[in-house]
N, C-alpha and C. Protein backbone atom coordinates (compact mmCIF):
# COMPACT_ATOMS: atom_id res chain seq x y z
N MET A 1 116.52 149.27 -14.33
CA MET A 1 116.27 147.73 -13.64
C MET A 1 117.50 147.31 -13.34
N ARG A 2 118.59 147.78 -14.21
CA ARG A 2 119.93 147.27 -13.52
C ARG A 2 120.43 147.78 -11.90
N ILE A 3 119.94 149.02 -11.68
CA ILE A 3 120.28 149.30 -10.61
C ILE A 3 119.33 148.87 -9.71
N ASN A 4 118.01 148.67 -9.71
CA ASN A 4 117.43 147.64 -8.59
C ASN A 4 117.62 146.22 -8.16
N ARG A 5 118.57 145.63 -9.31
CA ARG A 5 118.98 144.39 -9.83
C ARG A 5 120.20 144.23 -8.63
N ILE A 6 121.12 145.43 -8.77
CA ILE A 6 122.54 145.97 -7.98
C ILE A 6 122.18 145.47 -6.29
N ARG A 7 120.80 146.08 -6.27
CA ARG A 7 120.52 146.63 -4.87
C ARG A 7 119.84 145.11 -4.17
N THR A 8 118.88 145.07 -5.04
CA THR A 8 118.62 143.43 -4.48
C THR A 8 119.91 142.64 -3.96
N THR A 9 120.90 142.43 -5.18
CA THR A 9 121.76 141.16 -4.80
C THR A 9 122.56 141.41 -3.45
N ALA A 10 122.80 143.35 -3.30
CA ALA A 10 123.49 143.71 -2.51
C ALA A 10 122.50 143.52 -0.84
N VAL A 11 120.83 143.52 -0.94
CA VAL A 11 120.57 143.02 -0.25
C VAL A 11 120.93 141.50 0.61
N ALA A 12 121.00 140.87 -0.32
CA ALA A 12 120.28 139.57 -0.65
C ALA A 12 122.53 138.85 -0.06
N VAL A 13 123.61 139.29 -0.32
CA VAL A 13 124.63 139.07 0.02
C VAL A 13 124.50 139.12 1.49
N THR A 14 124.12 140.80 1.48
CA THR A 14 124.04 141.34 3.34
C THR A 14 123.64 140.21 4.12
N ALA A 15 122.56 139.38 3.75
CA ALA A 15 121.56 139.06 4.47
C ALA A 15 121.91 137.60 5.21
N LEU A 16 122.41 136.95 3.57
CA LEU A 16 123.42 135.87 3.37
C LEU A 16 124.97 136.10 4.58
N ALA A 17 125.39 137.10 4.56
CA ALA A 17 126.55 136.97 5.67
C ALA A 17 126.05 137.02 7.51
N ALA A 18 125.12 137.69 7.25
CA ALA A 18 124.57 137.76 8.75
C ALA A 18 124.24 136.18 8.90
N ALA A 19 123.53 135.91 8.25
CA ALA A 19 123.17 134.13 8.64
C ALA A 19 124.34 133.57 8.82
N LEU A 20 125.75 133.60 8.23
CA LEU A 20 126.70 133.13 8.38
C LEU A 20 127.21 133.24 8.95
N SER A 21 127.08 134.57 9.79
CA SER A 21 127.52 135.23 10.93
C SER A 21 127.36 135.04 12.23
N LEU A 22 125.76 134.29 12.13
CA LEU A 22 124.63 133.91 13.17
C LEU A 22 125.42 132.52 13.33
N THR A 23 125.38 131.69 12.62
CA THR A 23 125.77 130.37 12.53
C THR A 23 127.31 130.27 13.12
N ALA A 24 128.45 130.92 12.75
CA ALA A 24 129.71 130.62 13.15
C ALA A 24 129.57 130.86 14.73
N CYS A 25 128.32 131.94 15.06
CA CYS A 25 128.60 132.36 17.07
C CYS A 25 127.62 131.41 17.33
N GLY A 26 126.79 130.12 16.76
CA GLY A 26 125.92 129.44 17.42
C GLY A 26 126.95 128.16 17.46
N GLY A 27 127.83 127.92 16.71
CA GLY A 27 128.95 126.75 16.71
C GLY A 27 129.84 127.11 17.43
N GLU A 28 130.31 128.26 17.67
CA GLU A 28 131.32 128.51 18.79
C GLU A 28 130.81 128.04 19.80
N ASP A 29 129.67 129.15 20.14
CA ASP A 29 128.51 128.41 21.55
C ASP A 29 128.79 127.20 22.01
N LYS A 30 128.15 126.45 21.03
CA LYS A 30 128.20 125.58 21.24
C LYS A 30 129.21 124.49 21.78
N ALA A 31 130.32 125.15 21.21
CA ALA A 31 131.77 124.11 21.15
C ALA A 31 132.34 124.54 22.83
N MET A 32 132.08 125.91 23.14
CA MET A 32 132.36 126.16 24.42
C MET A 32 131.50 125.83 25.49
N GLY A 33 129.96 125.51 25.25
CA GLY A 33 128.82 124.38 26.22
C GLY A 33 128.58 125.79 26.62
N THR A 34 128.61 127.08 26.25
CA THR A 34 127.70 128.28 26.30
C THR A 34 126.21 128.24 25.64
N LYS A 35 125.26 128.68 26.31
CA LYS A 35 124.42 129.02 25.53
C LYS A 35 124.14 130.45 24.83
N PRO A 36 123.47 130.63 23.77
CA PRO A 36 123.53 131.77 23.14
C PRO A 36 122.45 132.69 24.02
N ALA A 37 122.75 133.95 23.91
CA ALA A 37 122.19 134.76 24.91
C ALA A 37 120.39 135.25 24.59
N GLY A 38 119.86 134.80 25.60
CA GLY A 38 118.36 134.74 25.33
C GLY A 38 117.44 133.53 25.11
N ALA A 39 118.46 132.46 25.09
CA ALA A 39 117.70 131.09 24.89
C ALA A 39 117.36 130.91 26.00
N ALA A 40 116.04 129.95 25.71
CA ALA A 40 114.90 129.41 27.04
C ALA A 40 115.79 128.20 28.21
N GLU A 41 115.73 128.43 28.72
CA GLU A 41 115.87 127.44 29.83
C GLU A 41 115.18 126.47 30.12
N THR A 42 116.05 125.36 29.00
CA THR A 42 114.97 123.63 29.48
C THR A 42 115.94 122.96 29.94
N ALA A 43 117.00 123.11 30.90
CA ALA A 43 117.36 122.22 31.87
C ALA A 43 115.95 121.76 33.19
N ALA A 44 115.90 120.29 33.60
CA ALA A 44 115.20 119.59 34.81
C ALA A 44 116.46 120.61 36.24
N PRO A 45 115.25 120.74 36.73
CA PRO A 45 116.34 120.96 38.40
C PRO A 45 116.61 119.64 38.37
N ALA A 46 118.25 120.27 39.38
CA ALA A 46 118.97 119.11 39.52
C ALA A 46 118.51 118.36 40.95
N ALA A 47 118.72 116.86 40.23
CA ALA A 47 117.87 115.85 41.08
C ALA A 47 118.22 115.49 42.02
N SER A 48 119.89 116.66 42.69
CA SER A 48 120.73 116.01 44.02
C SER A 48 119.93 117.29 44.91
N ASP A 49 119.18 118.09 45.05
CA ASP A 49 118.11 118.37 45.54
C ASP A 49 117.20 117.74 46.34
N THR A 50 116.41 116.84 45.73
CA THR A 50 115.79 115.67 46.07
C THR A 50 116.19 114.42 46.50
N ASP A 51 117.10 114.23 46.13
CA ASP A 51 117.99 113.12 47.00
C ASP A 51 118.34 113.41 48.09
N GLY A 52 118.88 114.44 48.30
CA GLY A 52 119.32 115.20 49.86
C GLY A 52 118.19 114.79 50.50
N THR A 53 116.86 115.23 50.00
CA THR A 53 116.03 115.08 51.14
C THR A 53 115.73 113.85 51.56
N ALA A 54 115.45 112.93 50.28
CA ALA A 54 115.57 111.70 50.55
C ALA A 54 116.14 110.73 51.48
N GLN A 55 117.38 111.17 51.51
CA GLN A 55 118.22 110.78 52.16
C GLN A 55 118.33 111.14 53.74
N GLN A 56 117.72 112.57 53.87
CA GLN A 56 117.37 112.54 55.54
C GLN A 56 116.10 112.12 55.65
N ASP A 57 115.36 111.90 55.67
CA ASP A 57 114.20 110.91 56.09
C ASP A 57 114.31 109.68 56.11
N ALA A 58 114.53 109.34 55.30
CA ALA A 58 115.29 107.39 55.25
C ALA A 58 116.54 107.48 56.48
N PRO A 59 115.99 106.39 57.22
CA PRO A 59 116.65 106.12 58.37
C PRO A 59 117.73 105.67 58.02
N GLU A 60 119.64 105.64 58.49
CA GLU A 60 120.23 104.97 57.88
C GLU A 60 120.34 103.25 58.61
N ALA A 61 120.78 102.41 57.73
CA ALA A 61 120.91 101.31 58.04
C ALA A 61 121.22 100.90 59.02
N GLY A 62 120.21 100.32 59.76
CA GLY A 62 120.56 99.50 61.54
C GLY A 62 120.24 101.06 62.32
N ALA A 63 120.07 101.61 62.29
CA ALA A 63 119.34 102.91 63.00
C ALA A 63 118.20 102.49 63.33
N PRO A 64 117.85 102.88 65.27
CA PRO A 64 116.16 102.73 65.51
C PRO A 64 115.41 103.78 64.67
N GLU A 65 114.38 103.59 64.83
CA GLU A 65 112.99 104.64 64.18
C GLU A 65 112.72 105.57 65.33
N THR A 66 113.27 106.92 64.63
CA THR A 66 112.97 107.88 66.06
C THR A 66 111.48 108.57 66.02
N GLN A 67 111.06 108.15 65.44
CA GLN A 67 109.71 108.44 65.14
C GLN A 67 108.49 108.18 65.91
N THR A 68 108.84 106.89 66.46
CA THR A 68 108.20 105.40 67.24
C THR A 68 108.23 106.05 68.83
N VAL A 69 107.14 106.47 69.49
CA VAL A 69 107.14 106.78 71.01
C VAL A 69 106.49 105.83 71.49
N PRO A 70 106.75 104.76 72.24
CA PRO A 70 106.73 103.65 73.01
C PRO A 70 105.65 103.96 74.51
N ALA A 71 104.93 103.20 74.52
CA ALA A 71 104.28 102.97 75.71
C ALA A 71 104.59 103.74 76.68
N GLY A 72 103.47 104.97 77.64
CA GLY A 72 104.57 105.12 78.88
C GLY A 72 105.34 106.32 78.24
N GLY A 73 105.24 106.59 76.61
CA GLY A 73 106.56 107.43 76.74
C GLY A 73 105.66 109.23 76.79
N LYS A 74 106.53 110.04 75.91
CA LYS A 74 106.12 111.82 76.34
C LYS A 74 104.27 111.92 75.89
N HIS A 75 104.18 111.13 74.49
CA HIS A 75 103.01 111.33 73.70
C HIS A 75 101.88 110.49 74.66
N ALA A 76 102.27 110.03 75.96
CA ALA A 76 101.11 109.18 76.90
C ALA A 76 100.98 109.75 78.05
N GLY A 77 101.60 110.83 78.20
CA GLY A 77 101.77 111.08 79.52
C GLY A 77 102.74 110.93 80.60
N GLY A 78 103.58 110.16 79.86
CA GLY A 78 105.19 109.80 80.48
C GLY A 78 106.18 110.95 80.81
N ASN A 79 107.33 110.32 80.60
CA ASN A 79 108.45 111.19 80.64
C ASN A 79 109.06 111.21 79.69
N GLY A 80 109.04 110.15 78.78
CA GLY A 80 109.51 109.74 77.44
C GLY A 80 110.83 108.76 77.10
N ASP A 81 110.71 107.99 78.74
CA ASP A 81 112.05 107.36 78.57
C ASP A 81 111.54 106.13 78.38
N SER A 82 111.88 105.67 76.88
CA SER A 82 111.47 104.10 76.50
C SER A 82 111.67 102.94 77.43
N ARG A 83 112.73 103.61 78.43
CA ARG A 83 113.33 102.15 79.76
C ARG A 83 112.26 102.61 81.01
N ALA A 84 111.19 103.33 80.77
CA ALA A 84 110.44 103.89 82.10
C ALA A 84 110.00 102.48 82.94
N LYS A 85 110.44 102.17 84.17
CA LYS A 85 110.06 101.22 84.74
C LYS A 85 108.80 101.16 85.11
N LYS A 86 108.09 99.98 85.21
CA LYS A 86 106.75 99.69 85.48
C LYS A 86 106.52 100.53 87.29
N PRO A 87 104.94 100.59 87.60
CA PRO A 87 104.68 100.86 88.58
C PRO A 87 105.23 99.70 89.38
N GLU A 88 106.28 99.74 90.91
CA GLU A 88 107.26 99.09 91.59
C GLU A 88 106.08 98.10 92.35
N THR A 89 105.06 98.18 92.71
CA THR A 89 104.38 97.91 93.69
C THR A 89 103.68 96.41 92.98
N ALA A 90 103.52 96.47 91.55
CA ALA A 90 103.63 94.95 91.09
C ALA A 90 104.17 93.88 91.35
N PRO A 91 105.78 94.42 90.72
CA PRO A 91 106.77 93.17 91.00
C PRO A 91 107.00 92.83 92.53
N ASN A 92 106.78 94.04 93.44
CA ASN A 92 107.07 93.59 95.06
C ASN A 92 105.90 92.37 95.42
N ALA A 93 104.79 92.77 95.16
CA ALA A 93 103.43 91.88 95.04
C ALA A 93 103.66 90.86 94.98
N GLU A 94 104.10 90.09 93.77
CA GLU A 94 104.62 89.00 92.81
C GLU A 94 105.42 88.32 93.54
N ALA A 95 106.53 89.08 94.26
CA ALA A 95 107.87 88.75 94.51
C ALA A 95 107.41 88.33 95.86
N ALA A 96 106.57 89.08 96.84
CA ALA A 96 106.07 88.54 98.04
C ALA A 96 104.98 87.43 98.24
N ALA A 97 104.57 87.18 97.14
CA ALA A 97 103.65 86.11 97.16
C ALA A 97 104.16 84.83 97.18
N SER A 98 105.73 85.09 96.54
CA SER A 98 105.97 83.56 96.48
C SER A 98 107.30 83.10 97.90
N ILE A 99 106.93 83.77 99.02
CA ILE A 99 107.71 84.09 99.68
C ILE A 99 107.29 83.38 101.15
N PRO A 100 107.03 82.71 101.61
CA PRO A 100 106.74 81.75 102.71
C PRO A 100 106.40 82.70 103.81
N ALA A 101 105.47 81.91 104.65
CA ALA A 101 104.77 82.86 105.48
C ALA A 101 105.43 82.50 107.10
N CYS A 102 105.38 83.36 107.55
CA CYS A 102 106.01 83.56 109.10
C CYS A 102 105.31 82.77 109.46
N THR A 103 105.34 81.85 110.48
CA THR A 103 104.84 80.94 111.09
C THR A 103 105.54 80.74 112.54
N PRO A 104 104.58 79.64 113.47
CA PRO A 104 105.52 79.51 114.48
C PRO A 104 106.74 78.47 114.37
N GLN A 105 106.67 77.73 113.03
CA GLN A 105 108.20 76.91 112.62
C GLN A 105 109.29 77.89 112.65
N ASN A 106 109.14 79.17 111.89
CA ASN A 106 110.17 79.86 111.18
C ASN A 106 110.34 81.10 112.12
N SER A 107 109.33 81.80 113.18
CA SER A 107 109.45 82.89 113.98
C SER A 107 109.13 82.76 115.41
N THR A 108 109.07 83.44 115.67
CA THR A 108 108.86 83.68 117.52
C THR A 108 107.92 84.81 117.62
N VAL A 109 106.93 84.97 118.61
CA VAL A 109 106.02 86.34 118.81
C VAL A 109 105.94 86.55 120.31
N LYS A 110 105.81 88.08 120.29
CA LYS A 110 105.82 88.43 121.92
C LYS A 110 104.95 89.04 121.79
N VAL A 111 104.37 90.16 123.07
CA VAL A 111 103.42 90.57 123.22
C VAL A 111 103.87 91.76 124.15
N SER A 112 104.28 92.89 124.28
CA SER A 112 104.54 93.27 125.61
C SER A 112 103.40 94.60 125.57
N SER A 113 103.84 95.33 126.95
CA SER A 113 102.83 96.56 127.19
C SER A 113 103.79 97.77 126.84
N VAL A 114 103.20 99.25 126.50
CA VAL A 114 103.81 100.02 125.90
C VAL A 114 103.11 101.56 126.83
N SER A 115 103.95 102.24 126.89
CA SER A 115 103.35 103.46 127.96
C SER A 115 102.33 104.79 127.04
N ARG A 116 102.52 104.20 125.39
CA ARG A 116 101.77 105.48 124.86
C ARG A 116 101.54 104.77 123.83
N PRO A 117 100.43 105.04 123.13
CA PRO A 117 98.46 105.70 123.66
C PRO A 117 98.84 104.06 124.58
N ILE A 118 97.79 104.44 125.80
CA ILE A 118 97.04 104.20 126.40
C ILE A 118 96.37 103.12 126.17
N ASN A 119 96.16 102.19 126.95
CA ASN A 119 95.02 100.88 126.42
C ASN A 119 95.63 100.12 124.88
N HIS A 120 96.79 99.79 125.07
CA HIS A 120 97.44 99.16 123.50
C HIS A 120 98.48 98.58 124.43
N LEU A 121 98.81 97.33 123.21
CA LEU A 121 99.76 96.63 123.79
C LEU A 121 100.75 96.45 121.98
N LEU A 122 101.55 95.68 122.05
CA LEU A 122 102.50 96.23 120.98
C LEU A 122 102.88 94.27 120.94
N LEU A 123 102.55 93.60 119.48
CA LEU A 123 102.65 92.32 119.09
C LEU A 123 104.22 92.68 117.95
N THR A 124 105.30 91.35 118.42
CA THR A 124 106.34 91.45 117.50
C THR A 124 106.72 90.29 117.22
N VAL A 125 107.12 90.25 116.28
CA VAL A 125 107.17 89.13 115.16
C VAL A 125 108.84 89.17 114.39
N THR A 126 109.45 88.09 115.13
CA THR A 126 110.35 87.75 114.78
C THR A 126 110.94 87.02 113.59
N ASN A 127 111.76 86.53 112.30
CA ASN A 127 112.16 85.69 111.84
C ASN A 127 113.61 85.05 112.21
N THR A 128 113.02 83.91 112.59
CA THR A 128 114.33 82.81 113.62
C THR A 128 115.27 81.91 112.39
N GLY A 129 114.05 82.05 111.17
CA GLY A 129 115.05 81.29 110.42
C GLY A 129 116.26 81.49 109.54
N SER A 130 116.35 80.32 108.84
CA SER A 130 117.41 81.07 107.88
C SER A 130 116.95 81.56 106.78
N LYS A 131 115.75 81.67 105.85
CA LYS A 131 115.17 82.35 105.50
C LYS A 131 113.95 83.28 105.03
N ASP A 132 114.16 84.06 104.09
CA ASP A 132 113.17 85.31 104.09
C ASP A 132 111.70 84.97 104.55
N CYS A 133 110.79 85.42 105.20
CA CYS A 133 109.48 85.06 105.73
C CYS A 133 109.05 86.25 105.23
N ALA A 134 107.57 85.97 104.92
CA ALA A 134 106.59 87.19 104.94
C ALA A 134 105.24 87.37 105.63
N ALA A 135 104.87 88.87 106.48
CA ALA A 135 104.12 88.65 107.71
C ALA A 135 103.10 89.09 107.01
N TYR A 136 102.27 88.20 106.59
CA TYR A 136 100.55 88.18 106.09
C TYR A 136 99.91 89.11 106.50
N HIS A 137 99.06 89.60 105.99
CA HIS A 137 97.62 90.17 106.50
C HIS A 137 97.93 90.54 107.70
N ALA A 138 97.13 90.15 108.83
CA ALA A 138 97.03 90.69 110.61
C ALA A 138 96.72 89.35 111.24
N PRO A 139 97.24 89.59 112.18
CA PRO A 139 97.29 88.00 112.86
C PRO A 139 96.00 87.96 113.48
N PHE A 140 95.05 86.75 113.53
CA PHE A 140 94.35 86.49 114.10
C PHE A 140 94.31 86.61 115.72
N LEU A 141 93.90 87.12 116.68
CA LEU A 141 94.32 86.81 117.94
C LEU A 141 93.08 86.52 118.70
N ARG A 142 93.53 85.93 119.50
CA ARG A 142 91.73 85.16 120.65
C ARG A 142 92.36 85.19 122.38
N PHE A 143 91.52 85.95 122.94
CA PHE A 143 92.23 86.36 123.85
C PHE A 143 91.13 85.12 125.07
N ASP A 144 92.47 84.79 125.54
CA ASP A 144 91.66 83.09 126.55
C ASP A 144 90.67 82.22 125.74
N ASP A 145 89.59 82.00 126.37
CA ASP A 145 88.72 80.99 125.29
C ASP A 145 87.96 81.45 124.44
N ALA A 146 88.00 82.83 124.15
CA ALA A 146 87.10 83.52 122.66
C ALA A 146 86.93 82.50 122.05
N GLN A 147 85.80 82.21 121.32
CA GLN A 147 85.54 81.68 119.95
C GLN A 147 85.61 82.99 118.74
N ALA A 148 85.59 83.71 119.39
CA ALA A 148 85.80 84.83 117.99
C ALA A 148 86.74 84.77 118.16
N VAL A 149 87.64 85.41 116.84
CA VAL A 149 89.30 85.97 116.80
C VAL A 149 88.28 88.03 116.61
N TYR A 150 89.46 88.53 117.59
CA TYR A 150 89.95 89.52 117.90
C TYR A 150 89.22 90.86 116.22
N PRO A 151 88.63 91.84 116.53
CA PRO A 151 88.12 92.64 115.09
C PRO A 151 89.83 92.96 114.89
N ILE A 152 89.46 93.06 113.43
CA ILE A 152 90.99 93.65 112.63
C ILE A 152 90.75 94.92 112.14
N LEU A 153 91.50 95.82 112.45
CA LEU A 153 91.68 96.92 111.72
C LEU A 153 91.65 97.94 110.24
N ASP A 154 90.77 97.48 109.35
CA ASP A 154 91.10 97.32 107.99
C ASP A 154 92.06 98.81 107.91
N ASP A 155 91.88 99.99 108.02
CA ASP A 155 92.45 100.96 107.91
C ASP A 155 93.96 101.17 108.30
N SER A 156 94.81 99.70 108.91
CA SER A 156 95.97 99.83 109.00
C SER A 156 96.49 99.08 108.05
N LYS A 157 95.60 99.01 106.61
CA LYS A 157 96.68 97.85 105.92
C LYS A 157 97.61 98.63 105.10
N PRO A 158 98.86 98.35 105.20
CA PRO A 158 99.45 98.42 104.58
C PRO A 158 99.67 98.81 102.91
N GLN A 159 100.58 98.99 102.13
CA GLN A 159 100.87 99.42 100.68
C GLN A 159 101.72 97.87 100.22
N ALA A 160 102.01 97.55 101.30
CA ALA A 160 103.24 96.14 100.47
C ALA A 160 102.91 95.46 101.77
N VAL A 161 103.61 93.75 101.38
CA VAL A 161 103.69 92.84 102.81
C VAL A 161 105.05 92.99 102.96
N VAL A 162 105.14 92.86 104.63
CA VAL A 162 106.36 93.29 105.13
C VAL A 162 106.98 91.70 105.15
N VAL A 163 107.96 91.58 104.31
CA VAL A 163 109.01 90.92 104.40
C VAL A 163 110.06 90.79 105.08
N LEU A 164 110.57 89.52 106.24
CA LEU A 164 111.67 89.89 107.22
C LEU A 164 112.59 88.68 106.64
N SER A 165 113.69 89.40 106.55
CA SER A 165 115.08 88.56 106.41
C SER A 165 115.98 88.02 107.92
N PRO A 166 116.24 87.07 107.90
CA PRO A 166 116.51 86.27 108.90
C PRO A 166 116.97 87.75 110.33
N GLY A 167 116.44 87.24 111.32
CA GLY A 167 116.78 88.38 112.36
C GLY A 167 115.65 89.73 112.37
N GLU A 168 115.23 89.76 111.35
CA GLU A 168 114.31 91.10 111.22
C GLU A 168 112.54 90.77 111.66
N LYS A 169 112.28 92.03 112.37
CA LYS A 169 110.76 92.31 112.85
C LYS A 169 109.84 92.68 112.19
N ALA A 170 108.81 92.53 112.66
CA ALA A 170 107.32 93.09 112.11
C ALA A 170 106.70 93.10 113.39
N TYR A 171 105.98 94.12 112.94
CA TYR A 171 104.87 94.53 114.09
C TYR A 171 103.08 95.21 114.19
N ALA A 172 102.53 94.77 115.14
CA ALA A 172 101.31 94.82 115.23
C ALA A 172 100.78 95.83 116.63
N GLY A 173 100.02 96.72 116.54
CA GLY A 173 98.98 97.20 117.94
C GLY A 173 97.88 96.39 117.91
N ILE A 174 97.56 96.58 119.15
CA ILE A 174 96.32 95.61 119.82
C ILE A 174 95.86 97.27 120.64
N GLY A 175 94.49 97.73 120.28
CA GLY A 175 93.92 98.57 120.90
C GLY A 175 93.05 97.33 121.66
N LEU A 176 92.63 97.56 123.09
CA LEU A 176 92.56 96.98 124.27
C LEU A 176 91.07 97.33 124.44
N LEU A 177 90.91 98.96 124.58
CA LEU A 177 89.33 98.98 124.51
C LEU A 177 88.91 100.17 124.19
N GLY A 178 88.04 100.48 123.89
CA GLY A 178 87.31 101.42 122.90
C GLY A 178 86.72 102.71 124.18
N GLU A 179 85.86 103.63 123.97
CA GLU A 179 85.48 104.61 124.57
C GLU A 179 85.38 104.08 126.39
N PRO A 180 85.64 105.04 127.68
CA PRO A 180 84.91 104.34 129.20
C PRO A 180 83.67 104.12 128.63
N GLY A 181 82.80 103.35 129.33
CA GLY A 181 81.74 103.58 129.71
C GLY A 181 80.94 103.09 129.08
N GLU A 182 81.55 102.20 127.77
CA GLU A 182 80.96 102.03 126.28
C GLU A 182 80.48 100.49 126.77
N ASN A 183 81.52 99.64 126.99
CA ASN A 183 81.46 98.69 127.23
C ASN A 183 82.46 97.88 128.69
N GLU A 184 81.86 96.23 129.00
CA GLU A 184 81.99 96.19 130.13
C GLU A 184 83.63 95.64 129.79
N PRO A 185 84.69 96.12 130.43
CA PRO A 185 86.17 95.36 130.39
C PRO A 185 86.03 94.36 130.86
N VAL A 186 86.16 92.85 129.82
CA VAL A 186 86.73 91.83 130.48
C VAL A 186 88.71 91.34 130.61
N LYS A 187 89.09 90.97 131.79
CA LYS A 187 90.18 90.71 131.97
C LYS A 187 90.51 89.19 131.51
N SER A 188 91.92 89.62 130.76
CA SER A 188 92.16 88.06 130.08
C SER A 188 93.99 87.81 130.62
N ASP A 189 94.05 86.68 130.32
CA ASP A 189 95.57 86.31 131.02
C ASP A 189 96.16 85.77 129.71
N ASN A 190 95.59 84.77 128.65
CA ASN A 190 96.62 84.40 127.47
C ASN A 190 96.49 84.63 126.53
N LEU A 191 96.92 85.20 125.46
CA LEU A 191 96.56 85.27 124.11
C LEU A 191 97.16 84.44 123.33
N GLY A 192 95.93 84.01 122.19
CA GLY A 192 96.63 83.15 121.23
C GLY A 192 96.59 83.96 119.75
N VAL A 193 97.77 83.55 119.30
CA VAL A 193 98.17 84.49 118.05
C VAL A 193 98.43 83.30 116.79
N ILE A 194 97.92 83.77 116.08
CA ILE A 194 97.56 82.75 114.41
C ILE A 194 97.90 83.55 113.62
N MET A 195 99.08 82.88 113.19
CA MET A 195 99.86 83.40 111.94
C MET A 195 99.31 83.28 110.48
N VAL A 196 98.93 83.88 109.81
CA VAL A 196 98.38 83.30 108.56
C VAL A 196 99.48 83.40 106.91
N ASP A 197 98.75 82.97 106.17
CA ASP A 197 99.94 82.85 105.06
C ASP A 197 99.11 83.85 103.83
N LYS A 198 99.69 83.69 102.86
CA LYS A 198 98.97 84.67 101.58
C LYS A 198 97.62 84.91 101.54
N ASN A 199 96.70 83.46 101.58
CA ASN A 199 95.79 83.47 101.33
C ASN A 199 94.62 83.42 102.41
N ASN A 200 95.30 84.11 103.82
CA ASN A 200 94.79 84.27 104.80
C ASN A 200 94.20 82.84 105.69
N LYS A 201 95.01 81.71 104.95
CA LYS A 201 94.70 81.07 106.02
C LYS A 201 95.86 80.44 107.28
N SER A 202 94.85 80.26 108.21
CA SER A 202 95.95 79.75 109.26
C SER A 202 97.03 78.93 108.91
N LYS A 203 98.24 78.99 109.63
CA LYS A 203 99.46 78.52 109.54
C LYS A 203 99.89 77.71 110.95
N GLY A 204 99.26 78.51 112.09
CA GLY A 204 99.53 77.77 113.25
C GLY A 204 99.10 78.70 113.92
N GLU A 205 99.38 78.29 115.23
CA GLU A 205 98.88 79.51 116.52
C GLU A 205 100.17 79.28 117.74
N ALA A 206 100.60 80.54 118.10
CA ALA A 206 101.07 80.29 119.36
C ALA A 206 100.52 81.40 120.56
N THR A 207 100.91 80.38 121.68
CA THR A 207 99.77 81.10 122.97
C THR A 207 101.65 82.00 123.91
N LEU A 208 100.28 82.87 124.53
CA LEU A 208 101.47 84.07 124.66
C LEU A 208 100.49 84.34 126.19
N LYS A 209 101.48 84.60 127.31
CA LYS A 209 101.06 85.10 128.51
C LYS A 209 101.17 86.73 128.39
N LEU A 210 99.69 87.39 128.73
CA LEU A 210 99.67 88.58 128.30
C LEU A 210 100.45 89.70 129.94
N PRO A 211 100.36 90.76 129.45
CA PRO A 211 100.74 91.52 130.72
C PRO A 211 99.90 91.40 131.61
N ALA A 212 99.81 91.56 132.96
CA ALA A 212 99.18 92.05 134.23
C ALA A 212 98.19 92.57 133.76
N GLU A 213 96.79 92.56 134.60
CA GLU A 213 95.61 93.53 134.45
C GLU A 213 95.47 93.76 133.15
N THR A 214 95.59 93.12 132.26
CA THR A 214 95.24 92.75 131.11
C THR A 214 94.09 93.19 130.53
N TYR A 215 93.20 94.03 130.31
CA TYR A 215 91.62 93.91 130.13
C TYR A 215 91.39 94.48 128.55
N THR A 216 89.99 93.87 128.27
CA THR A 216 89.64 94.29 126.48
C THR A 216 88.19 94.14 126.36
N ASP A 217 87.45 94.93 125.53
CA ASP A 217 86.39 94.61 125.49
C ASP A 217 85.42 95.02 123.97
N SER A 218 84.62 94.64 123.74
CA SER A 218 84.16 94.24 122.16
C SER A 218 84.61 95.47 121.38
N LEU A 219 85.14 96.28 121.76
CA LEU A 219 85.37 97.80 120.26
C LEU A 219 86.97 97.61 120.38
N GLY A 220 88.10 96.76 121.24
CA GLY A 220 89.16 96.93 120.42
C GLY A 220 89.34 96.11 119.31
N PHE A 221 91.00 95.96 118.62
CA PHE A 221 90.98 95.72 117.21
C PHE A 221 92.67 95.48 117.72
N VAL A 222 93.06 94.61 116.60
CA VAL A 222 94.57 94.71 116.31
C VAL A 222 94.44 95.11 114.90
N THR A 223 96.00 95.73 114.45
CA THR A 223 96.20 96.17 113.17
C THR A 223 96.82 95.01 112.49
N TYR A 224 97.03 95.26 111.10
CA TYR A 224 98.18 94.84 109.97
C TYR A 224 99.23 94.66 110.59
N TRP A 225 100.04 93.99 110.24
CA TRP A 225 101.69 93.75 110.66
C TRP A 225 102.06 95.46 109.81
N GLN A 226 103.11 95.70 110.36
CA GLN A 226 103.38 96.81 109.79
C GLN A 226 105.33 96.64 110.18
N SER A 227 105.96 97.34 109.11
CA SER A 227 107.66 97.36 109.65
C SER A 227 107.93 98.29 110.25
N ASP A 228 107.36 98.89 111.11
CA ASP A 228 107.98 99.73 112.27
C ASP A 228 107.00 100.12 113.43
N VAL A 229 107.60 100.33 114.43
CA VAL A 229 106.47 100.52 115.70
C VAL A 229 105.60 101.57 115.60
N GLU A 230 106.25 102.33 115.25
CA GLU A 230 105.31 104.05 115.01
C GLU A 230 104.44 103.85 114.11
N THR A 231 104.09 102.53 113.31
CA THR A 231 102.90 102.81 112.41
C THR A 231 102.01 101.86 113.55
N ALA A 232 102.72 101.06 113.89
CA ALA A 232 101.48 99.78 114.41
C ALA A 232 101.06 100.00 115.39
N LEU A 233 102.02 101.56 116.22
CA LEU A 233 100.93 102.00 117.31
C LEU A 233 100.26 103.27 117.01
N MET A 234 100.05 103.85 115.99
CA MET A 234 99.44 104.98 115.78
C MET A 234 98.29 104.94 115.04
N PHE A 235 97.43 103.90 115.59
CA PHE A 235 95.98 103.57 115.28
C PHE A 235 95.81 103.85 116.78
């Protein structure tokens, strides 16, 4: 029995020594800021990663929103430029509408013959005033004492109103005759040219002497005012 008690005591002493050794090691690890081998990882993931992501997603103070696509941007079929210009025809049309019409009071009109195309005349209006004027629509023409105005060629309507600075000119082509033999030509000596405003209302008439041997028929026409001679005579 004595031998067994000695063995039990020895085992107990050995176990106590081992426990003290482990306690001492744990205390040393804690003091040094290290974890014991095999200890479970209990620390939460570092918050700096999440914070860094939040800082990248949030715009800086005063910075523009980079995800906003303005009207006319690339998602709308445009070029992506937020300063994309509106189409120019609208501003030009609005500006032209505020400009006074070219009239016999601020401009002069003349009629002249041309070699090509045949059976055509050229009408020219010149701004003789000190301010801009607009050659609106097409002139109303009357040959001699005709009651009806000369037909206007709708296909000649330009994309924009012709605005004349002082000294500048606008042009309209006059087709005199249709196909030979279709109508009886009528000789005319004088031409009345009626200028109109933006509402196509008369603003006065100028009477011109026609070139000698000017003949017209019911198939003739006059064009809208154009900015160059070539366009006026192409119809």
